[in-house]
Amino acid sequence: MATFDSSGARTNYGPDTLEIVGLFLSLICISLMSLLFGRKTSATKFSSLNFARSLVVGLYTISWLFSLIAAILAQTNNFNPISCTVSNFMCILLYAGSKVLIYLFLIERVYVVTAIGVTRRNSPMFKFNIALLSPYIGIVTVAIIYRISFIDTGGECRFGILDQASIPLIAYDCFLNVWLTALFLRALVSSTSLLQGPTKSKLRMVAYRTFIGSVLSFVFSTANIASIVVFNGHERGVICLGLCTLDVTLNAITIHWVTSRGRNSKSEESDITRRSSRVAPQYGMTPVGPAKHVSALETHVSVSIESYVEEYHQLHIANKSFH
């Protein structure tokens, strides 16, 4: 909060309540992201990261970086046009980067629960969903063109994007989230889905958790972008940085929950192994072995999808022969 003399010159400046709250929020988010990153990557070799796990690690990294930069800029952008402008660019670019990683993660999960046994290259749905991300490049470009940042008469930094960019952004975000959520819902309720097979206890949990995660991501992002639409580029910088920090952190926490192993995962794996061991020898098949050790970063789908397919086919054949 600044004070001015009779001529309008600033005499001193101290942080106000919003800036103090914003700083504590950023520090909490930085700590949370450090904790989640450590839990996910402990005892994990980065050289062994596959596509899905790389997306999760990338999301944690960009969320941590966003929180750190936001904490710095929020304390320096008042009476500082350069810092104010940089804050605007950072909000657009890093926030967009985190959203792309989240969308890629959700698209990967759609592929996992709907295209078992089909490579990504041969999956029309996977390629179509990836193509849906291409308009995001144009939307981010429009957001950069129609960005606005300025220092008001009180010395406070205000920035955002105008309606020409914010309305297409929220429309696209709503469409893509609803589309991906609908794909998970279809996989859960369809009677012909592969989730109805012997592996449904695992894959249905993957689809269910990701469905919930998709809904939560949609709610968080829509609320944040709605605030940008309401202020029409005149939102105070510390508020915009705080909301974006909270948005990316909540999304990262949601993805962490989505990729956490369920409580019953070990008992479900043992049950599948026992059923396979009883049925398979009767038909000259090799029983499905116990699940391999799963490192801290591995999730429901981090265990080889090929093992799910093997279990599905062996038990499916056995059940058909039995009947």
C-alpha atoms as a PDB file:
ATOM      1  CA  MET A   1       0.000   0.000   0.000  1.00  0.00           C
ATOM      2  CA  ALA A   2       1.507   3.296  -1.083  1.00  0.00           C
ATOM      3  CA  THR A   3       1.202   6.757   0.409  1.00  0.00           C
ATOM      4  CA  PHE A   4       1.576  10.001  -1.542  1.00  0.00           C
ATOM      5  CA  ASP A   5       2.454  13.568  -0.665  1.00  0.00           C
ATOM      6  CA  SER A   6       0.494  16.661  -1.702  1.00  0.00           C
ATOM      7  CA  SER A   7       2.201  16.755  -5.109  1.00  0.00           C
ATOM      8  CA  GLY A   8       1.182  13.170  -5.864  1.00  0.00           C
ATOM      9  CA  ALA A   9       4.664  11.709  -5.459  1.00  0.00           C
ATOM     10  CA  ARG A  10       4.971   8.365  -3.705  1.00  0.00           C
ATOM     11  CA  THR A  11       6.547   8.627  -0.264  1.00  0.00           C
ATOM     12  CA  ASN A  12       6.647   4.972   0.803  1.00  0.00           C
ATOM     13  CA  TYR A  13       5.199   1.630  -0.065  1.00  0.00           C
ATOM     14  CA  GLY A  14       4.341  -1.490   1.920  1.00  0.00           C
ATOM     15  CA  PRO A  15       2.523  -4.698   0.993  1.00  0.00           C
ATOM     16  CA  ASP A  16      -1.205  -4.697   1.537  1.00  0.00           C
ATOM     17  CA  THR A  17      -3.381  -7.579   2.691  1.00  0.00           C
ATOM     18  CA  LEU A  18      -3.881  -9.045  -0.788  1.00  0.00           C
ATOM     19  CA  GLU A  19      -0.143  -9.105  -1.487  1.00  0.00           C
ATOM     20  CA  ILE A  20       0.606 -10.808   1.835  1.00  0.00           C
ATOM     21  CA  VAL A  21      -2.110 -13.414   1.241  1.00  0.00           C
ATOM     22  CA  GLY A  22      -0.860 -13.932  -2.319  1.00  0.00           C
ATOM     23  CA  LEU A  23       2.692 -14.509  -1.097  1.00  0.00           C
ATOM     24  CA  PHE A  24       1.596 -17.069   1.502  1.00  0.00           C
ATOM     25  CA  LEU A  25      -0.577 -18.790  -1.104  1.00  0.00           C
ATOM     26  CA  SER A  26       2.372 -19.056  -3.499  1.00  0.00           C
ATOM     27  CA  LEU A  27       4.632 -20.421  -0.737  1.00  0.00           C
ATOM     28  CA  ILE A  28       2.024 -23.036   0.215  1.00  0.00           C
ATOM     29  CA  CYS A  29       1.621 -24.048  -3.435  1.00  0.00           C
ATOM     30  CA  ILE A  30       5.397 -24.280  -3.901  1.00  0.00           C
ATOM     31  CA  SER A  31       5.642 -26.529  -0.835  1.00  0.00           C
ATOM     32  CA  LEU A  32       2.768 -28.735  -2.000  1.00  0.00           C
ATOM     33  CA  MET A  33       4.226 -29.143  -5.482  1.00  0.00           C
ATOM     34  CA  SER A  34       7.639 -30.001  -4.027  1.00  0.00           C
ATOM     35  CA  LEU A  35       6.010 -32.633  -1.818  1.00  0.00           C
ATOM     36  CA  LEU A  36       4.011 -34.166  -4.673  1.00  0.00           C
ATOM     37  CA  PHE A  37       7.023 -34.156  -6.983  1.00  0.00           C
ATOM     38  CA  GLY A  38       9.130 -35.912  -4.349  1.00  0.00           C
ATOM     39  CA  ARG A  39       6.487 -38.557  -3.652  1.00  0.00           C
ATOM     40  CA  LYS A  40       5.989 -39.322  -7.331  1.00  0.00           C
ATOM     41  CA  THR A  41       9.651 -39.446  -8.316  1.00  0.00           C
ATOM     42  CA  SER A  42      11.231 -41.160  -5.310  1.00  0.00           C
ATOM     43  CA  ALA A  43      13.173 -44.274  -6.320  1.00  0.00           C
ATOM     44  CA  THR A  44      12.351 -43.621  -9.981  1.00  0.00           C
ATOM     45  CA  LYS A  45      14.832 -43.427 -12.831  1.00  0.00           C
ATOM     46  CA  PHE A  46      13.971 -40.553 -15.131  1.00  0.00           C
ATOM     47  CA  SER A  47      15.435 -42.481 -18.056  1.00  0.00           C
ATOM     48  CA  SER A  48      12.595 -45.007 -17.666  1.00  0.00           C
ATOM     49  CA  LEU A  49       9.750 -42.473 -17.797  1.00  0.00           C
ATOM     50  CA  ASN A  50       7.106 -43.317 -20.365  1.00  0.00           C
ATOM     51  CA  PHE A  51       4.806 -40.848 -22.092  1.00  0.00           C
ATOM     52  CA  ALA A  52       2.080 -40.762 -19.431  1.00  0.00           C
ATOM     53  CA  ARG A  53       4.478 -40.436 -16.503  1.00  0.00           C
ATOM     54  CA  SER A  54       6.474 -37.748 -18.313  1.00  0.00           C
ATOM     55  CA  LEU A  55       3.275 -35.701 -18.595  1.00  0.00           C
ATOM     56  CA  VAL A  56       2.671 -35.984 -14.848  1.00  0.00           C
ATOM     57  CA  VAL A  57       6.231 -34.989 -13.970  1.00  0.00           C
ATOM     58  CA  GLY A  58       6.065 -32.146 -16.499  1.00  0.00           C
ATOM     59  CA  LEU A  59       2.828 -30.879 -14.929  1.00  0.00           C
ATOM     60  CA  TYR A  60       4.369 -30.889 -11.446  1.00  0.00           C
ATOM     61  CA  THR A  61       7.425 -29.041 -12.756  1.00  0.00           C
ATOM     62  CA  ILE A  62       5.516 -26.317 -14.588  1.00  0.00           C
ATOM     63  CA  SER A  63       3.102 -25.875 -11.663  1.00  0.00           C
ATOM     64  CA  TRP A  64       6.027 -25.478  -9.247  1.00  0.00           C
ATOM     65  CA  LEU A  65       7.720 -23.029 -11.622  1.00  0.00           C
ATOM     66  CA  PHE A  66       4.495 -21.051 -12.033  1.00  0.00           C
ATOM     67  CA  SER A  67       4.075 -20.734  -8.251  1.00  0.00           C
ATOM     68  CA  LEU A  68       7.678 -19.637  -7.795  1.00  0.00           C
ATOM     69  CA  ILE A  69       7.608 -16.976 -10.528  1.00  0.00           C
ATOM     70  CA  ALA A  70       4.186 -15.755  -9.381  1.00  0.00           C
ATOM     71  CA  ALA A  71       5.518 -15.284  -5.833  1.00  0.00           C
ATOM     72  CA  ILE A  72       8.349 -13.126  -7.148  1.00  0.00           C
ATOM     73  CA  LEU A  73       6.354 -11.075  -9.636  1.00  0.00           C
ATOM     74  CA  ALA A  74       3.432 -10.426  -7.281  1.00  0.00           C
ATOM     75  CA  GLN A  75       5.826  -8.598  -4.947  1.00  0.00           C
ATOM     76  CA  THR A  76       7.456  -6.501  -7.658  1.00  0.00           C
ATOM     77  CA  ASN A  77       4.822  -5.553 -10.237  1.00  0.00           C
ATOM     78  CA  ASN A  78       3.329  -2.499  -8.503  1.00  0.00           C
ATOM     79  CA  PHE A  79       4.812   0.780  -9.811  1.00  0.00           C
ATOM     80  CA  ASN A  80       6.803  -1.430 -12.203  1.00  0.00           C
ATOM     81  CA  PRO A  81       5.473  -1.564 -15.795  1.00  0.00           C
ATOM     82  CA  ILE A  82       8.103  -4.102 -16.872  1.00  0.00           C
ATOM     83  CA  SER A  83       7.261  -6.543 -14.072  1.00  0.00           C
ATOM     84  CA  CYS A  84       3.558  -5.993 -14.749  1.00  0.00           C
ATOM     85  CA  THR A  85       3.987  -6.864 -18.429  1.00  0.00           C
ATOM     86  CA  VAL A  86       6.140  -9.906 -17.638  1.00  0.00           C
ATOM     87  CA  SER A  87       3.472 -11.094 -15.179  1.00  0.00           C
ATOM     88  CA  ASN A  88       0.888 -10.920 -17.944  1.00  0.00           C
ATOM     89  CA  PHE A  89       3.028 -12.929 -20.358  1.00  0.00           C
ATOM     90  CA  MET A  90       3.877 -15.474 -17.664  1.00  0.00           C
ATOM     91  CA  CYS A  91       0.226 -15.993 -16.794  1.00  0.00           C
ATOM     92  CA  ILE A  92      -0.652 -16.634 -20.438  1.00  0.00           C
ATOM     93  CA  LEU A  93       2.295 -18.856 -21.447  1.00  0.00           C
ATOM     94  CA  LEU A  94       2.880 -20.969 -18.326  1.00  0.00           C
ATOM     95  CA  TYR A  95      -0.830 -21.352 -17.658  1.00  0.00           C
ATOM     96  CA  ALA A  96      -1.366 -22.440 -21.262  1.00  0.00           C
ATOM     97  CA  GLY A  97       1.522 -24.886 -20.929  1.00  0.00           C
ATOM     98  CA  SER A  98      -0.002 -26.486 -17.840  1.00  0.00           C
ATOM     99  CA  LYS A  99      -3.391 -26.800 -19.568  1.00  0.00           C
ATOM    100  CA  VAL A 100      -1.823 -28.498 -22.595  1.00  0.00           C
ATOM    101  CA  LEU A 101      -0.138 -31.051 -20.311  1.00  0.00           C
ATOM    102  CA  ILE A 102      -3.439 -31.714 -18.525  1.00  0.00           C
ATOM    103  CA  TYR A 103      -5.273 -32.184 -21.834  1.00  0.00           C
ATOM    104  CA  LEU A 104      -2.539 -34.521 -23.107  1.00  0.00           C
ATOM    105  CA  PHE A 105      -2.809 -36.520 -19.898  1.00  0.00           C
ATOM    106  CA  LEU A 106      -6.585 -36.833 -20.219  1.00  0.00           C
ATOM    107  CA  ILE A 107      -6.252 -37.800 -23.892  1.00  0.00           C
ATOM    108  CA  GLU A 108      -3.727 -40.475 -22.917  1.00  0.00           C
ATOM    109  CA  ARG A 109      -6.140 -41.823 -20.325  1.00  0.00           C
ATOM    110  CA  VAL A 110      -8.952 -41.956 -22.883  1.00  0.00           C
ATOM    111  CA  TYR A 111      -6.635 -43.996 -25.087  1.00  0.00           C
ATOM    112  CA  VAL A 112      -5.754 -46.334 -22.213  1.00  0.00           C
ATOM    113  CA  VAL A 113      -9.342 -47.185 -21.275  1.00  0.00           C
ATOM    114  CA  THR A 114     -10.810 -47.342 -24.800  1.00  0.00           C
ATOM    115  CA  ALA A 115      -8.102 -48.708 -27.107  1.00  0.00           C
ATOM    116  CA  ILE A 116      -6.413 -51.623 -25.347  1.00  0.00           C
ATOM    117  CA  GLY A 117      -4.264 -53.589 -27.777  1.00  0.00           C
ATOM    118  CA  VAL A 118      -4.196 -50.727 -30.312  1.00  0.00           C
ATOM    119  CA  THR A 119      -1.166 -48.507 -30.722  1.00  0.00           C
ATOM    120  CA  ARG A 120      -1.566 -44.765 -30.562  1.00  0.00           C
ATOM    121  CA  ARG A 121      -0.617 -44.521 -34.229  1.00  0.00           C
ATOM    122  CA  ASN A 122      -3.462 -46.862 -35.159  1.00  0.00           C
ATOM    123  CA  SER A 123      -6.053 -45.317 -32.836  1.00  0.00           C
ATOM    124  CA  PRO A 124      -8.358 -42.909 -34.729  1.00  0.00           C
ATOM    125  CA  MET A 125      -9.755 -41.543 -31.459  1.00  0.00           C
ATOM    126  CA  PHE A 126      -6.292 -40.762 -30.088  1.00  0.00           C
ATOM    127  CA  LYS A 127      -5.262 -38.963 -33.284  1.00  0.00           C
ATOM    128  CA  PHE A 128      -8.558 -37.056 -33.387  1.00  0.00           C
ATOM    129  CA  ASN A 129      -8.181 -35.904 -29.778  1.00  0.00           C
ATOM    130  CA  ILE A 130      -4.602 -34.782 -30.403  1.00  0.00           C
ATOM    131  CA  ALA A 131      -5.841 -32.807 -33.421  1.00  0.00           C
ATOM    132  CA  LEU A 132      -8.365 -31.068 -31.143  1.00  0.00           C
ATOM    133  CA  LEU A 133      -5.436 -29.429 -29.344  1.00  0.00           C
ATOM    134  CA  SER A 134      -4.285 -27.562 -32.462  1.00  0.00           C
ATOM    135  CA  PRO A 135      -6.809 -24.677 -32.058  1.00  0.00           C
ATOM    136  CA  TYR A 136      -5.224 -23.968 -28.674  1.00  0.00           C
ATOM    137  CA  ILE A 137      -2.177 -22.552 -30.458  1.00  0.00           C
ATOM    138  CA  GLY A 138      -4.375 -19.985 -32.198  1.00  0.00           C
ATOM    139  CA  ILE A 139      -6.242 -19.158 -28.983  1.00  0.00           C
ATOM    140  CA  VAL A 140      -2.998 -18.538 -27.077  1.00  0.00           C
ATOM    141  CA  THR A 141      -1.782 -16.361 -29.943  1.00  0.00           C
ATOM    142  CA  VAL A 142      -5.003 -14.329 -29.798  1.00  0.00           C
ATOM    143  CA  ALA A 143      -4.601 -14.019 -26.009  1.00  0.00           C
ATOM    144  CA  ILE A 144      -1.117 -12.558 -26.493  1.00  0.00           C
ATOM    145  CA  ILE A 145      -2.404 -10.106 -29.106  1.00  0.00           C
ATOM    146  CA  TYR A 146      -5.348  -8.974 -26.981  1.00  0.00           C
ATOM    147  CA  ARG A 147      -3.523  -8.903 -23.655  1.00  0.00           C
ATOM    148  CA  ILE A 148      -3.562  -5.728 -21.613  1.00  0.00           C
ATOM    149  CA  SER A 149      -1.365  -4.556 -18.732  1.00  0.00           C
ATOM    150  CA  PHE A 150      -1.015  -1.144 -17.096  1.00  0.00           C
ATOM    151  CA  ILE A 151      -0.285   0.654 -13.843  1.00  0.00           C
ATOM    152  CA  ASP A 152      -3.340   2.410 -12.437  1.00  0.00           C
ATOM    153  CA  THR A 153      -3.363   5.786 -10.666  1.00  0.00           C
ATOM    154  CA  GLY A 154      -2.698   4.092  -7.326  1.00  0.00           C
ATOM    155  CA  GLY A 155       0.411   2.369  -8.643  1.00  0.00           C
ATOM    156  CA  GLU A 156      -1.216  -1.082  -8.733  1.00  0.00           C
ATOM    157  CA  CYS A 157      -0.501  -3.443 -11.626  1.00  0.00           C
ATOM    158  CA  ARG A 158      -3.563  -4.588 -13.511  1.00  0.00           C
ATOM    159  CA  PHE A 159      -3.560  -6.989 -16.410  1.00  0.00           C
ATOM    160  CA  GLY A 160      -5.531  -9.649 -18.216  1.00  0.00           C
ATOM    161  CA  ILE A 161      -6.936 -10.420 -21.640  1.00  0.00           C
ATOM    162  CA  LEU A 162      -9.808  -8.724 -23.419  1.00  0.00           C
ATOM    163  CA  ASP A 163     -13.109 -10.351 -24.386  1.00  0.00           C
ATOM    164  CA  GLN A 164     -11.828 -11.022 -27.920  1.00  0.00           C
ATOM    165  CA  ALA A 165      -9.513 -13.627 -26.376  1.00  0.00           C
ATOM    166  CA  SER A 166     -11.149 -14.608 -23.081  1.00  0.00           C
ATOM    167  CA  ILE A 167     -14.493 -15.667 -24.581  1.00  0.00           C
ATOM    168  CA  PRO A 168     -12.955 -18.027 -27.203  1.00  0.00           C
ATOM    169  CA  LEU A 169     -10.677 -19.386 -24.461  1.00  0.00           C
ATOM    170  CA  ILE A 170     -13.483 -20.268 -22.072  1.00  0.00           C
ATOM    171  CA  ALA A 171     -15.607 -21.666 -24.944  1.00  0.00           C
ATOM    172  CA  TYR A 172     -12.764 -23.898 -26.134  1.00  0.00           C
ATOM    173  CA  ASP A 173     -11.915 -24.991 -22.594  1.00  0.00           C
ATOM    174  CA  CYS A 174     -15.544 -25.913 -21.923  1.00  0.00           C
ATOM    175  CA  PHE A 175     -15.847 -27.832 -25.186  1.00  0.00           C
ATOM    176  CA  LEU A 176     -12.667 -29.848 -24.733  1.00  0.00           C
ATOM    177  CA  ASN A 177     -13.362 -30.697 -21.091  1.00  0.00           C
ATOM    178  CA  VAL A 178     -16.945 -31.728 -21.825  1.00  0.00           C
ATOM    179  CA  TRP A 179     -15.808 -33.843 -24.788  1.00  0.00           C
ATOM    180  CA  LEU A 180     -13.114 -35.699 -22.821  1.00  0.00           C
ATOM    181  CA  THR A 181     -15.409 -36.138 -19.822  1.00  0.00           C
ATOM    182  CA  ALA A 182     -18.090 -37.593 -22.102  1.00  0.00           C
ATOM    183  CA  LEU A 183     -15.586 -40.125 -23.466  1.00  0.00           C
ATOM    184  CA  PHE A 184     -14.799 -41.359 -19.960  1.00  0.00           C
ATOM    185  CA  LEU A 185     -18.480 -41.482 -19.066  1.00  0.00           C
ATOM    186  CA  ARG A 186     -19.221 -43.479 -22.222  1.00  0.00           C
ATOM    187  CA  ALA A 187     -16.460 -45.941 -21.378  1.00  0.00           C
ATOM    188  CA  LEU A 188     -17.893 -46.395 -17.892  1.00  0.00           C
ATOM    189  CA  VAL A 189     -21.540 -46.960 -18.854  1.00  0.00           C
ATOM    190  CA  SER A 190     -21.224 -48.743 -22.206  1.00  0.00           C
ATOM    191  CA  SER A 191     -22.093 -52.437 -22.030  1.00  0.00           C
ATOM    192  CA  THR A 192     -19.668 -53.197 -24.884  1.00  0.00           C
ATOM    193  CA  SER A 193     -16.729 -51.357 -23.315  1.00  0.00           C
ATOM    194  CA  LEU A 194     -13.542 -53.258 -22.549  1.00  0.00           C
ATOM    195  CA  LEU A 195     -14.029 -52.033 -19.005  1.00  0.00           C
ATOM    196  CA  GLN A 196     -16.717 -54.683 -18.641  1.00  0.00           C
ATOM    197  CA  GLY A 197     -14.153 -57.488 -19.064  1.00  0.00           C
ATOM    198  CA  PRO A 198     -12.107 -59.339 -16.433  1.00  0.00           C
ATOM    199  CA  THR A 199      -9.789 -56.352 -16.000  1.00  0.00           C
ATOM    200  CA  LYS A 200     -12.607 -53.975 -15.194  1.00  0.00           C
ATOM    201  CA  SER A 201     -11.626 -53.673 -11.515  1.00  0.00           C
ATOM    202  CA  LYS A 202      -8.436 -51.892 -12.577  1.00  0.00           C
ATOM    203  CA  LEU A 203      -9.432 -50.108 -15.748  1.00  0.00           C
ATOM    204  CA  ARG A 204     -12.819 -49.023 -14.439  1.00  0.00           C
ATOM    205  CA  MET A 205     -11.024 -47.394 -11.501  1.00  0.00           C
ATOM    206  CA  VAL A 206      -8.710 -45.659 -13.981  1.00  0.00           C
ATOM    207  CA  ALA A 207     -11.700 -44.374 -15.961  1.00  0.00           C
ATOM    208  CA  TYR A 208     -13.666 -43.415 -12.846  1.00  0.00           C
ATOM    209  CA  ARG A 209     -10.828 -41.497 -11.223  1.00  0.00           C
ATOM    210  CA  THR A 210      -9.950 -39.735 -14.460  1.00  0.00           C
ATOM    211  CA  PHE A 211     -13.628 -38.879 -15.021  1.00  0.00           C
ATOM    212  CA  ILE A 212     -13.726 -37.209 -11.607  1.00  0.00           C
ATOM    213  CA  GLY A 213     -10.403 -35.507 -12.314  1.00  0.00           C
ATOM    214  CA  SER A 214     -11.685 -34.188 -15.634  1.00  0.00           C
ATOM    215  CA  VAL A 215     -14.764 -32.713 -13.962  1.00  0.00           C
ATOM    216  CA  LEU A 216     -12.691 -31.059 -11.232  1.00  0.00           C
ATOM    217  CA  SER A 217     -10.223 -29.659 -13.774  1.00  0.00           C
ATOM    218  CA  PHE A 218     -13.143 -28.216 -15.716  1.00  0.00           C
ATOM    219  CA  VAL A 219     -14.588 -26.556 -12.599  1.00  0.00           C
ATOM    220  CA  PHE A 220     -11.257 -25.045 -11.495  1.00  0.00           C
ATOM    221  CA  SER A 221     -10.335 -23.703 -14.918  1.00  0.00           C
ATOM    222  CA  THR A 222     -13.800 -22.367 -15.724  1.00  0.00           C
ATOM    223  CA  ALA A 223     -13.933 -20.427 -12.452  1.00  0.00           C
ATOM    224  CA  ASN A 224     -10.515 -18.924 -13.110  1.00  0.00           C
ATOM    225  CA  ILE A 225     -11.207 -17.938 -16.720  1.00  0.00           C
ATOM    226  CA  ALA A 226     -14.634 -16.595 -15.727  1.00  0.00           C
ATOM    227  CA  SER A 227     -12.920 -14.109 -13.418  1.00  0.00           C
ATOM    228  CA  ILE A 228     -10.800 -12.936 -16.364  1.00  0.00           C
ATOM    229  CA  VAL A 229     -13.955 -12.434 -18.443  1.00  0.00           C
ATOM    230  CA  VAL A 230     -15.643 -10.466 -15.639  1.00  0.00           C
ATOM    231  CA  PHE A 231     -12.715  -8.067 -15.167  1.00  0.00           C
ATOM    232  CA  ASN A 232     -12.112  -7.752 -18.943  1.00  0.00           C
ATOM    233  CA  GLY A 233      -8.385  -7.143 -18.595  1.00  0.00           C
ATOM    234  CA  HIS A 234      -8.601  -4.895 -15.531  1.00  0.00           C
ATOM    235  CA  GLU A 235      -8.036  -7.500 -12.816  1.00  0.00           C
ATOM    236  CA  ARG A 236      -5.425  -6.627 -10.247  1.00  0.00           C
ATOM    237  CA  GLY A 237      -2.179  -8.453 -10.945  1.00  0.00           C
ATOM    238  CA  VAL A 238      -1.808 -10.026  -7.509  1.00  0.00           C
ATOM    239  CA  ILE A 239      -5.345 -11.451  -7.748  1.00  0.00           C
ATOM    240  CA  CYS A 240      -4.803 -12.843 -11.244  1.00  0.00           C
ATOM    241  CA  LEU A 241      -1.480 -14.422 -10.248  1.00  0.00           C
ATOM    242  CA  GLY A 242      -3.028 -15.874  -7.097  1.00  0.00           C
ATOM    243  CA  LEU A 243      -6.007 -17.392  -8.901  1.00  0.00           C
ATOM    244  CA  CYS A 244      -3.826 -18.863 -11.649  1.00  0.00           C
ATOM    245  CA  THR A 245      -1.436 -20.294  -9.045  1.00  0.00           C
ATOM    246  CA  LEU A 246      -4.345 -21.845  -7.168  1.00  0.00           C
ATOM    247  CA  ASP A 247      -5.791 -23.186 -10.436  1.00  0.00           C
ATOM    248  CA  VAL A 248      -2.628 -24.959 -11.619  1.00  0.00           C
ATOM    249  CA  THR A 249      -1.917 -26.308  -8.126  1.00  0.00           C
ATOM    250  CA  LEU A 250      -5.417 -27.722  -7.655  1.00  0.00           C
ATOM    251  CA  ASN A 251      -5.195 -29.317 -11.091  1.00  0.00           C
ATOM    252  CA  ALA A 252      -1.846 -30.868 -10.193  1.00  0.00           C
ATOM    253  CA  ILE A 253      -3.258 -32.201  -6.900  1.00  0.00           C
ATOM    254  CA  THR A 254      -6.193 -33.659  -8.830  1.00  0.00           C
ATOM    255  CA  ILE A 255      -3.848 -35.396 -11.285  1.00  0.00           C
ATOM    256  CA  HIS A 256      -1.840 -36.688  -8.323  1.00  0.00           C
ATOM    257  CA  TRP A 257      -4.983 -38.262  -6.896  1.00  0.00           C
ATOM    258  CA  VAL A 258      -5.976 -39.640 -10.296  1.00  0.00           C
ATOM    259  CA  THR A 259      -2.587 -41.324 -10.697  1.00  0.00           C
ATOM    260  CA  SER A 260      -2.441 -42.717  -7.162  1.00  0.00           C
ATOM    261  CA  ARG A 261      -2.909 -46.430  -6.715  1.00  0.00           C
ATOM    262  CA  GLY A 262      -6.215 -47.442  -5.168  1.00  0.00           C
ATOM    263  CA  ARG A 263      -6.353 -49.075  -1.768  1.00  0.00           C
ATOM    264  CA  ASN A 264      -7.627 -52.334  -3.187  1.00  0.00           C
ATOM    265  CA  SER A 265      -5.256 -52.527  -6.149  1.00  0.00           C
ATOM    266  CA  LYS A 266      -3.029 -55.185  -4.574  1.00  0.00           C
ATOM    267  CA  SER A 267      -5.942 -57.394  -3.521  1.00  0.00           C
ATOM    268  CA  GLU A 268      -7.502 -57.045  -6.985  1.00  0.00           C
ATOM    269  CA  GLU A 269      -4.241 -58.074  -8.665  1.00  0.00           C
ATOM    270  CA  SER A 270      -3.979 -61.075  -6.343  1.00  0.00           C
ATOM    271  CA  ASP A 271      -7.572 -62.046  -7.106  1.00  0.00           C
ATOM    272  CA  ILE A 272      -6.940 -61.968 -10.860  1.00  0.00           C
ATOM    273  CA  THR A 273      -3.782 -64.026 -10.395  1.00  0.00           C
ATOM    274  CA  ARG A 274      -5.625 -66.637  -8.282  1.00  0.00           C
ATOM    275  CA  ARG A 275      -8.489 -66.923 -10.772  1.00  0.00           C
ATOM    276  CA  SER A 276      -6.067 -67.254 -13.657  1.00  0.00           C
ATOM    277  CA  SER A 277      -4.032 -69.910 -11.806  1.00  0.00           C
ATOM    278  CA  ARG A 278      -7.167 -71.997 -11.228  1.00  0.00           C
ATOM    279  CA  VAL A 279      -8.631 -71.712 -14.709  1.00  0.00           C
ATOM    280  CA  ALA A 280      -5.670 -71.489 -17.078  1.00  0.00           C
ATOM    281  CA  PRO A 281      -4.105 -74.961 -16.488  1.00  0.00           C
ATOM    282  CA  GLN A 282      -7.394 -76.617 -17.379  1.00  0.00           C
ATOM    283  CA  TYR A 283      -7.050 -75.292 -20.925  1.00  0.00           C
ATOM    284  CA  GLY A 284      -3.308 -75.555 -21.376  1.00  0.00           C
ATOM    285  CA  MET A 285      -2.662 -71.837 -20.886  1.00  0.00           C
ATOM    286  CA  THR A 286       0.055 -70.106 -18.914  1.00  0.00           C
ATOM    287  CA  PRO A 287      -1.307 -68.581 -15.705  1.00  0.00           C
ATOM    288  CA  VAL A 288      -0.994 -64.861 -15.270  1.00  0.00           C
ATOM    289  CA  GLY A 289       1.896 -64.204 -12.903  1.00  0.00           C
ATOM    290  CA  PRO A 290       1.921 -61.842  -9.969  1.00  0.00           C
ATOM    291  CA  ALA A 291       2.097 -58.156 -10.704  1.00  0.00           C
ATOM    292  CA  LYS A 292       5.561 -56.687 -11.037  1.00  0.00           C
ATOM    293  CA  HIS A 293       6.920 -54.314  -8.447  1.00  0.00           C
ATOM    294  CA  VAL A 294       5.552 -50.845  -8.951  1.00  0.00           C
ATOM    295  CA  SER A 295       7.745 -47.856  -8.218  1.00  0.00           C
ATOM    296  CA  ALA A 296       6.463 -44.768  -6.456  1.00  0.00           C
ATOM    297  CA  LEU A 297       5.700 -42.967  -9.697  1.00  0.00           C
ATOM    298  CA  GLU A 298       3.824 -45.819 -11.319  1.00  0.00           C
ATOM    299  CA  THR A 299       0.053 -45.686 -11.321  1.00  0.00           C
ATOM    300  CA  HIS A 300      -2.867 -47.868 -12.307  1.00  0.00           C
ATOM    301  CA  VAL A 301      -1.833 -47.634 -15.940  1.00  0.00           C
ATOM    302  CA  SER A 302       1.895 -47.510 -15.307  1.00  0.00           C
ATOM    303  CA  VAL A 303       1.830 -51.267 -14.855  1.00  0.00           C
ATOM    304  CA  SER A 304       2.281 -52.677 -18.344  1.00  0.00           C
ATOM    305  CA  ILE A 305      -0.935 -52.410 -20.322  1.00  0.00           C
ATOM    306  CA  GLU A 306       0.183 -55.540 -22.159  1.00  0.00           C
ATOM    307  CA  SER A 307      -0.310 -57.502 -18.924  1.00  0.00           C
ATOM    308  CA  TYR A 308      -3.906 -56.297 -18.793  1.00  0.00           C
ATOM    309  CA  VAL A 309      -4.450 -57.458 -22.360  1.00  0.00           C
ATOM    310  CA  GLU A 310      -2.921 -60.834 -21.568  1.00  0.00           C
ATOM    311  CA  GLU A 311      -5.161 -61.271 -18.550  1.00  0.00           C
ATOM    312  CA  TYR A 312      -8.188 -60.193 -20.557  1.00  0.00           C
ATOM    313  CA  HIS A 313      -7.572 -62.621 -23.403  1.00  0.00           C
ATOM    314  CA  GLN A 314      -6.619 -65.593 -21.229  1.00  0.00           C
ATOM    315  CA  LEU A 315      -9.606 -65.293 -18.919  1.00  0.00           C
ATOM    316  CA  HIS A 316     -11.937 -64.465 -21.816  1.00  0.00           C
ATOM    317  CA  ILE A 317     -10.874 -67.608 -23.705  1.00  0.00           C
ATOM    318  CA  ALA A 318     -11.109 -69.689 -20.557  1.00  0.00           C
ATOM    319  CA  ASN A 319     -14.620 -68.456 -19.793  1.00  0.00           C
ATOM    320  CA  LYS A 320     -15.793 -69.178 -23.359  1.00  0.00           C
ATOM    321  CA  SER A 321     -14.344 -72.686 -23.242  1.00  0.00           C
ATOM    322  CA  PHE A 322     -15.865 -73.337 -19.825  1.00  0.00           C
ATOM    323  CA  HIS A 323     -19.324 -72.406 -21.044  1.00  0.00           C
END
